[in-house]
Amino acid sequence: MRRVLAIARNTFREAVRNKILYSLLFFAVLLILSALALGSLSLHEDVRMTRDVGLFGIDAFGVLIAIFVGVNLLYKELDLKTVYTILPKPLHRWEFVLGKWLGMLMTLAVQLAVMGLVLGLTLVAQDASFDLAMAKALWLLYLNVIVVTSIAVFFSAFSSPFLSGFFALGCFIVGRAVPDLRALGKASGGVARILFEAGCTVVPNLHLFYPSGAIVGAQVASIHRDFVGADYMIWTTLYGLGYSLVVLILAMLIFRKRDFV
């Protein structure tokens, strides 16, 4: 386990020094702060506007960071040939992938914490509060990027960064539309229904992790159904972590069989 943590710490330090991540973080913070100006244009909806735009910014840029870093985690080591000096040591390939994944999750946790802090200070500036519902919303968004990161690492285990990013982004878009695709499949019927159901089962239901402004403006409302309760949070957490671990294990198995020559 110490070897895994060492890889995770090194990955975290490398990610922190990445200038592109700072650029994405800067634009995310800028988008959150712009909610103040947008809120001033709305009639008695300034706080709701800030929450909506803030959560959207955290969600969008969190996913972009997860995909960008995730698809380059393994490829960068292969491209720089550093993997040849690391793996011959008493380090299993699955430990290498797990360490990279954990280091990425540490990076994303810091990124989301910074964006959440900026959003909280923005709400305080509007005489609003950063309540428990907002904390739940941020946790769901963090689960979302955990799943996206696992998918990005999975594709990077056997593909190039460009294709891995393309596939990961495609899974994210489809994952957000799972309820709509299931409804479309039921309306189609026949073979189409079976195909839609099979696709929606394989692709993660990322719609579960996306909170709307209503989740923080009301006690038990969201974009698709009530889910602020503890039962929803627990079930969604188990689903997100479980799906991520399954995909990560697949990435480990693929990377284990990969030929670096």
Foldseek 3Di string as FASTA:
>chain_A
DVLLQVLLVVLLVVLVPDVVLVVLLVVLLVQLLCLQVVLVVDDVCSLLSSLQSLLVSLLVSLLVLLLQLLLVLVVVCLVVVVCVVPVVPPDALLSNLSSNLNSSLVNSVVSLVVSLVSSQVSSVVVVHHCDPLVVLLSVLSSLLSLLLSLQLNLCSLPDHSVVSSVVSVVLSVVLLCLVVLQVVLVVVDDPSNVVSVVVSVLRHNSVLSHFGSVSVVDPFDGPPGGQNDPVNSVVSSCSSVVSSVVSSVSSSVSNNPDDSD
